[in-house]
Protein backbone atom coordinates (compact mmCIF):
# COMPACT_ATOMS: atom_id res chain seq x y z
CA UNK A 1 0.35 -0.26 0.16
CA UNK A 2 0.85 3.32 -0.72
CA UNK A 3 1.04 6.82 1.11
CA UNK A 4 0.38 10.31 0.52
CA UNK A 5 3.10 12.80 1.29
CA UNK A 6 2.51 16.26 -0.76
CA UNK A 7 5.65 18.12 -1.41
CA UNK A 8 5.74 20.90 -0.07
CA UNK A 9 7.99 23.12 -0.39
CA UNK A 10 7.59 23.04 -4.72
CA UNK A 11 11.65 24.15 -6.19
CA UNK A 12 11.69 27.76 -7.10
CA UNK A 13 13.19 27.16 -10.26
CA UNK A 14 11.70 26.94 -14.11
CA UNK A 15 12.06 23.42 -14.60
CA UNK A 16 11.98 21.94 -10.78
CA UNK A 17 7.91 20.76 -10.68
CA UNK A 18 9.43 18.58 -13.85
CA UNK A 19 10.46 16.78 -11.57
CA UNK A 20 9.22 17.45 -7.93
CA UNK A 21 7.58 14.11 -6.66
CA UNK A 22 4.18 14.63 -7.67
CA UNK A 23 2.70 13.95 -4.44
CA UNK A 24 5.42 11.48 -3.23
CA UNK A 25 2.27 8.94 -2.09
CA UNK A 26 0.12 11.04 -0.04
CA UNK A 27 3.49 12.87 0.92
CA UNK A 28 2.53 16.31 0.42
CA UNK A 29 5.92 17.51 -1.95
CA UNK A 30 7.74 19.44 0.07
CA UNK A 31 9.29 21.46 -0.77
CA UNK A 32 8.07 16.05 -0.81
CA UNK A 33 8.79 8.53 3.51
CA UNK A 34 10.81 5.92 4.07
CA UNK A 35 14.18 3.04 2.94
CA UNK A 36 18.43 3.50 3.10
CA UNK A 37 19.74 5.53 5.56
CA UNK A 38 21.44 9.65 4.99
CA UNK A 39 9.05 7.77 0.97
CA UNK A 40 4.34 5.98 5.44
CA UNK A 41 -0.35 5.45 5.28
CA UNK A 42 -0.27 8.76 3.39
CA UNK A 43 0.64 8.14 -0.58
CA UNK A 44 3.62 7.34 -1.85
CA UNK A 45 4.21 4.21 -3.13
CA UNK A 46 7.82 3.48 -2.76
CA UNK A 47 9.11 3.29 0.26
CA UNK A 48 6.18 5.38 2.06
CA UNK A 49 5.96 3.11 5.42
CA UNK A 50 2.67 2.17 6.01
CA UNK A 51 -0.53 1.72 3.96
CA UNK A 52 -1.60 4.92 1.93
CA UNK A 53 -0.75 4.01 -0.06
CA UNK A 54 -0.19 5.99 2.49
CA UNK A 55 0.03 9.41 0.61
CA UNK A 56 3.91 8.44 1.44
CA UNK A 57 3.27 5.90 4.22
CA UNK A 58 3.41 2.54 3.92
CA UNK A 59 5.57 0.42 4.39
CA UNK A 60 6.97 -2.13 1.38
CA UNK A 61 4.95 -2.02 -1.18
CA UNK A 62 4.96 -5.58 -3.01
CA UNK A 63 4.39 -4.20 -6.54
CA UNK A 64 6.12 -5.80 -9.90
CA UNK A 65 8.25 -3.52 -11.18
CA UNK A 66 7.07 -1.83 -14.47
CA UNK A 67 7.03 -3.39 -17.62
CA UNK A 68 8.75 -1.40 -20.52
CA UNK A 69 6.43 0.57 -21.67
CA UNK A 70 4.94 1.75 -18.93
CA UNK A 71 4.26 4.95 -17.87
CA UNK A 72 6.86 4.44 -15.61
CA UNK A 73 9.46 4.03 -17.66
CA UNK A 74 8.52 6.91 -19.84
CA UNK A 75 8.99 9.20 -16.95
CA UNK A 76 11.89 7.87 -16.17
CA UNK A 77 13.76 7.76 -19.57
CA UNK A 78 12.10 11.40 -19.34
CA UNK A 79 14.25 12.19 -16.29
CA UNK A 80 17.28 10.98 -17.34
CA UNK A 81 16.72 12.30 -20.63
CA UNK A 82 16.35 16.10 -19.02
CA UNK A 83 19.46 15.88 -16.34
CA UNK A 84 21.51 16.55 -19.48
CA UNK A 85 19.59 19.92 -19.84
CA UNK A 86 20.15 20.49 -16.30
CA UNK A 87 23.12 19.58 -16.13
CA UNK A 88 24.09 21.91 -19.36
CA UNK A 89 22.32 24.54 -17.21
CA UNK A 90 24.34 24.62 -13.76
CA UNK A 91 28.24 24.53 -16.11
CA UNK A 92 26.15 28.16 -17.33
CA UNK A 93 25.31 29.57 -14.19
CA UNK A 94 28.46 28.46 -12.51
CA UNK A 95 30.75 30.35 -15.09
CA UNK A 96 28.54 33.17 -15.14
CA UNK A 97 28.34 33.38 -11.21
CA UNK A 98 24.74 33.42 -10.82
CA UNK A 99 23.96 31.52 -8.10
CA UNK A 100 21.03 31.44 -6.86
CA UNK A 101 19.94 30.11 -10.70
CA UNK A 102 23.11 27.68 -9.84
CA UNK A 103 20.66 26.71 -6.41
CA UNK A 104 17.58 26.31 -7.61
CA UNK A 105 19.36 23.74 -10.89
CA UNK A 106 20.59 21.72 -8.45
CA UNK A 107 17.68 21.34 -6.27
CA UNK A 108 15.86 20.41 -9.80
CA UNK A 109 19.16 18.02 -10.24
CA UNK A 110 18.71 16.05 -6.81
CA UNK A 111 14.95 15.98 -7.17
CA UNK A 112 15.18 14.13 -10.71
CA UNK A 113 17.61 11.64 -8.43
CA UNK A 114 15.76 11.19 -5.85
CA UNK A 115 12.46 10.30 -9.07
CA UNK A 116 15.01 7.62 -10.13
CA UNK A 117 15.91 6.17 -6.24
CA UNK A 118 18.92 7.10 -6.61
CA UNK A 119 18.93 9.01 -2.71
CA UNK A 120 22.56 9.64 -1.97
CA UNK A 121 23.04 10.69 -4.49
CA UNK A 122 19.97 13.12 -4.26
CA UNK A 123 21.21 13.92 -1.07
CA UNK A 124 24.45 15.74 -1.84
CA UNK A 125 23.25 18.10 -4.67
CA UNK A 126 20.34 18.75 -1.61
CA UNK A 127 22.89 19.70 0.45
CA UNK A 128 25.30 21.57 -2.11
CA UNK A 129 22.58 23.71 -2.74
CA UNK A 130 21.60 24.14 1.37
CA UNK A 131 25.37 25.81 1.04
CA UNK A 132 24.50 27.97 -1.74
CA UNK A 133 20.95 29.60 0.58
CA UNK A 134 22.92 29.58 3.17
CA UNK A 135 26.32 31.56 2.28
CA UNK A 136 23.22 34.13 0.26
CA UNK A 137 21.32 34.27 3.68
CA UNK A 138 18.31 33.02 1.99
CA UNK A 139 16.88 31.66 4.68
CA UNK A 140 13.11 30.72 3.14
CA UNK A 141 15.76 28.23 0.37
CA UNK A 142 17.26 27.82 2.75
CA UNK A 143 14.39 25.89 4.78
CA UNK A 144 12.65 24.89 1.85
CA UNK A 145 15.82 23.10 0.73
CA UNK A 146 15.66 21.77 4.56
CA UNK A 147 11.99 20.19 3.99
CA UNK A 148 12.67 18.55 0.61
CA UNK A 149 16.16 16.84 2.24
CA UNK A 150 13.45 15.58 4.82
CA UNK A 151 10.76 14.03 1.71
CA UNK A 152 14.61 12.33 0.37
CA UNK A 153 15.34 10.53 3.63
CA UNK A 154 11.28 9.96 4.44
CA UNK A 155 10.61 8.13 1.04
CA UNK A 156 14.34 6.32 1.66
CA UNK A 157 13.08 4.93 4.59
CA UNK A 158 14.83 7.04 7.61
CA UNK A 159 11.39 8.17 9.66
CA UNK A 160 14.00 10.06 11.95
CA UNK A 161 16.44 11.88 9.86
CA UNK A 162 13.47 13.23 8.14
CA UNK A 163 12.28 14.59 11.20
CA UNK A 164 15.38 17.19 11.58
CA UNK A 165 14.97 18.36 8.17
CA UNK A 166 11.74 19.19 8.91
CA UNK A 167 11.85 20.82 11.98
CA UNK A 168 15.22 22.22 11.04
CA UNK A 169 12.94 23.59 7.76
CA UNK A 170 10.34 25.15 10.60
CA UNK A 171 12.91 26.34 12.45
CA UNK A 172 14.53 28.30 9.80
CA UNK A 173 11.93 29.90 8.24
CA UNK A 174 9.01 28.71 10.36
CA UNK A 175 6.23 30.08 6.66
CA UNK A 176 7.87 29.06 4.01
CA UNK A 177 6.68 30.03 1.06
CA UNK A 178 3.83 30.74 2.68
CA UNK A 179 1.16 28.29 4.69
CA UNK A 180 0.22 25.52 2.09
CA UNK A 181 4.00 24.94 2.01
CA UNK A 182 3.97 24.97 5.97
CA UNK A 183 0.92 22.15 5.72
CA UNK A 184 2.97 20.21 2.59
CA UNK A 185 6.06 19.88 5.97
CA UNK A 186 3.01 18.78 8.60
CA UNK A 187 1.60 16.36 6.62
CA UNK A 188 4.49 14.37 5.43
CA UNK A 189 6.20 15.14 9.70
CA UNK A 190 2.77 12.98 9.69
CA UNK A 191 4.22 10.08 8.16
CA UNK A 192 7.55 10.24 9.18
CA UNK A 193 5.52 9.34 13.06
CA UNK A 194 3.55 7.43 10.42
CA UNK A 195 6.53 5.22 9.59
CA UNK A 196 7.65 5.23 13.84
CA UNK A 197 4.61 4.50 14.41
CA UNK A 198 3.03 7.40 17.23
CA UNK A 199 0.04 7.71 16.92
CA UNK A 200 0.24 10.22 19.21
CA UNK A 201 2.41 12.43 16.90
CA UNK A 202 1.37 11.36 13.16
CA UNK A 203 -2.18 12.55 14.43
CA UNK A 204 -0.94 15.64 15.81
CA UNK A 205 0.13 16.81 12.66
CA UNK A 206 -1.93 15.07 9.96
CA UNK A 207 -4.79 17.30 11.80
CA UNK A 208 -2.59 20.28 11.69
CA UNK A 209 -1.76 20.32 8.28
CA UNK A 210 -5.98 19.24 7.15
CA UNK A 211 -6.59 21.95 9.40
CA UNK A 212 -4.55 24.68 7.12
CA UNK A 213 -6.35 23.28 4.02
CA UNK A 214 -9.62 23.62 4.97
CA UNK A 215 -8.53 27.14 5.87
CA UNK A 216 -7.49 27.56 2.47
CA UNK A 217 -10.53 25.88 0.82
CA UNK A 218 -7.93 23.89 -0.65
CA UNK A 219 -9.40 21.14 -2.06
CA UNK A 220 -6.12 19.06 -3.07
CA UNK A 221 -4.20 18.81 0.16
CA UNK A 222 -8.05 18.30 1.76
CA UNK A 223 -8.79 15.39 0.05
CA UNK A 224 -4.70 14.04 0.99
CA UNK A 225 -4.64 15.19 4.32
CA UNK A 226 -8.12 13.42 4.32
CA UNK A 227 -7.17 9.56 2.65
CA UNK A 228 -3.78 9.95 5.06
CA UNK A 229 -5.61 10.35 8.08
CA UNK A 230 -8.13 7.15 7.43
CA UNK A 231 -4.98 5.63 6.80
CA UNK A 232 -3.13 6.40 9.97
CA UNK A 233 -6.99 5.85 12.17
CA UNK A 234 -7.38 1.96 9.60
CA UNK A 235 -4.07 0.67 10.54
CA UNK A 236 -1.99 2.49 12.68
CA UNK A 237 -5.27 3.62 15.44
CA UNK A 238 -7.20 0.70 14.27
CA UNK A 239 -10.04 2.44 14.55
CA UNK A 240 -11.85 1.31 11.08
CA UNK A 241 -15.00 3.19 10.77
CA UNK A 242 -13.80 5.78 11.51
CA UNK A 243 -11.25 5.42 8.74
CA UNK A 244 -14.00 5.38 6.72
CA UNK A 245 -15.91 8.19 7.14
CA UNK A 246 -12.14 10.28 6.27
CA UNK A 247 -12.04 7.83 3.06
CA UNK A 248 -15.33 8.55 2.06
CA UNK A 249 -14.85 12.50 2.19
CA UNK A 250 -11.43 12.16 1.20
CA UNK A 251 -13.48 9.88 -2.39
CA UNK A 252 -16.21 12.76 -2.40
CA UNK A 253 -14.01 15.74 -3.12
CA UNK A 254 -11.01 13.21 -5.61
CA UNK A 255 -14.47 12.89 -7.92
CA UNK A 256 -15.14 16.30 -8.26
CA UNK A 257 -11.41 17.51 -8.99
CA UNK A 258 -10.64 14.40 -11.30
CA UNK A 259 -7.79 13.07 -9.71
CA UNK A 260 -7.98 9.83 -11.25
CA UNK A 261 -4.43 8.96 -8.88
CA UNK A 262 -4.76 10.20 -5.63
CA UNK A 263 -9.00 8.62 -5.86
CA UNK A 264 -7.01 5.62 -6.81
CA UNK A 265 -5.04 5.34 -4.50
CA UNK A 266 -7.62 6.55 -1.87
CA UNK A 267 -9.66 3.88 -2.62
CA UNK A 268 -7.46 0.73 -2.68
CA UNK A 269 -6.42 2.08 1.27
CA UNK A 270 -10.51 1.92 1.87
CA UNK A 271 -10.42 -1.53 0.78
CA UNK A 272 -7.80 -2.87 2.82
CA UNK A 273 -10.08 -1.09 5.31
CA UNK A 274 -13.64 -2.71 4.76
CA UNK A 275 -11.84 -5.89 5.14
CA UNK A 276 -10.79 -4.86 8.94
CA UNK A 277 -15.12 -4.51 9.01
CA UNK A 278 -15.04 -7.68 7.34
CA UNK A 279 -17.51 -6.52 4.74
CA UNK A 280 -16.07 -8.16 1.55
CA UNK A 281 -18.37 -7.14 -0.70
CA UNK A 282 -17.52 -3.51 -0.09
CA UNK A 283 -14.11 -3.85 -0.37
CA UNK A 284 -14.80 -5.71 -3.36
CA UNK A 285 -16.53 -2.81 -4.79
CA UNK A 286 -13.17 0.05 -3.23
CA UNK A 287 -10.75 -1.86 -5.35
CA UNK A 288 -13.02 -2.52 -8.27
CA UNK A 289 -13.01 1.27 -8.71
CA UNK A 290 -8.83 1.52 -8.24
CA UNK A 291 -8.33 -0.72 -10.62
CA UNK A 292 -10.73 1.19 -13.37
CA UNK A 293 -8.75 3.77 -11.79
CA UNK A 294 -5.26 2.64 -12.61
CA UNK A 295 -5.69 1.52 -15.67
CA UNK A 296 -7.27 4.48 -17.31
CA UNK A 297 -4.15 6.30 -16.03
CA UNK A 298 -1.94 3.40 -17.51
CA UNK A 299 -0.57 3.18 -13.52
CA UNK A 300 0.69 -1.24 -14.17
CA UNK A 301 2.06 -1.19 -10.28
CA UNK A 302 -1.06 -0.14 -8.96
CA UNK A 303 -2.74 -2.49 -10.93
CA UNK A 304 -1.21 -5.23 -10.34
CA UNK A 305 -1.54 -4.07 -6.23
CA UNK A 306 -5.50 -3.49 -6.95
CA UNK A 307 -5.12 -7.29 -9.12
CA UNK A 308 -2.97 -9.29 -6.02
CA UNK A 309 -5.64 -7.78 -3.34
CA UNK A 310 -8.65 -8.53 -5.22
CA UNK A 311 -6.87 -12.55 -6.13
CA UNK A 312 -6.80 -13.06 -2.15
CA UNK A 313 -9.57 -12.13 -1.00
CA UNK A 314 -11.08 -14.83 -4.05
CA UNK A 315 -12.47 -12.55 -6.67
CA UNK A 316 -12.25 -14.42 -9.94
CA UNK A 317 -13.40 -11.59 -12.49
CA UNK A 318 -9.44 -10.52 -11.09
CA UNK A 319 -8.01 -13.64 -10.89
CA UNK A 320 -8.95 -14.95 -13.86
CA UNK A 321 -7.69 -10.96 -15.78
CA UNK A 322 -4.17 -11.41 -14.25
CA UNK A 323 -3.03 -14.77 -16.06
């Protein structure tokens, strides 16, 4: 399952948005859950720590690798091609002495390596970017880069390190880039605590994140925070009834937003909670709705994950189509 991280602090460079993970599962791109030293219930697939599919919080996903031609493979190829262009730009900025553009470009390259699951390289580049912002005494961009480092460590599987960097980001600039970015950091802090199974801290930060998104009337942020809260109540606190309430509100919002990827993730997670309530028919319905959406967007890993769960509950149609 996956969790939903939220890119909290998107890179402030023209090309950076191409490389920041969309929700780091439902992690909110911080700037962006868990792995090797140095991505929980919310929405990140690769290592997010507990279900979500957490937008970044599920622990391990047993999804198969994408096959040639899958959208994930195509995206990886595009990132690799873009790295050359970014490195060329980096050299130009270094030659001209444009240090702010050099720093932003380093961040974009770091995000590209993170998307390729080369976290050690990503950490090195974000650290280089951080050093430049410190030298320039640019607190806002310093805080943003610290949050990006938190995202990398969380997705890499090191929630303790992630928490350190998120706290440093908030200490450096308590309102980094505005309230929505602060909400994303709170969301991803919640995911890190989810990975540590710290119920109190996880809820504390996810609730703060949701409150900010509600006050800002930001529907996508609300939906991702709601999904992560559903995962927390369903898989960490073991209150499935409350979890279903959060998931249903999230799905209702996502249907209006036409965000099929996040909706599919929420439906898959909700299916697992219906099983906890021993309501297999409702679980199968949720899984089928998730499968339909994953198929529509060409998410082969999502399809494989849902088919496996449908097979586990004895859904014959799914078993046949998976062969």
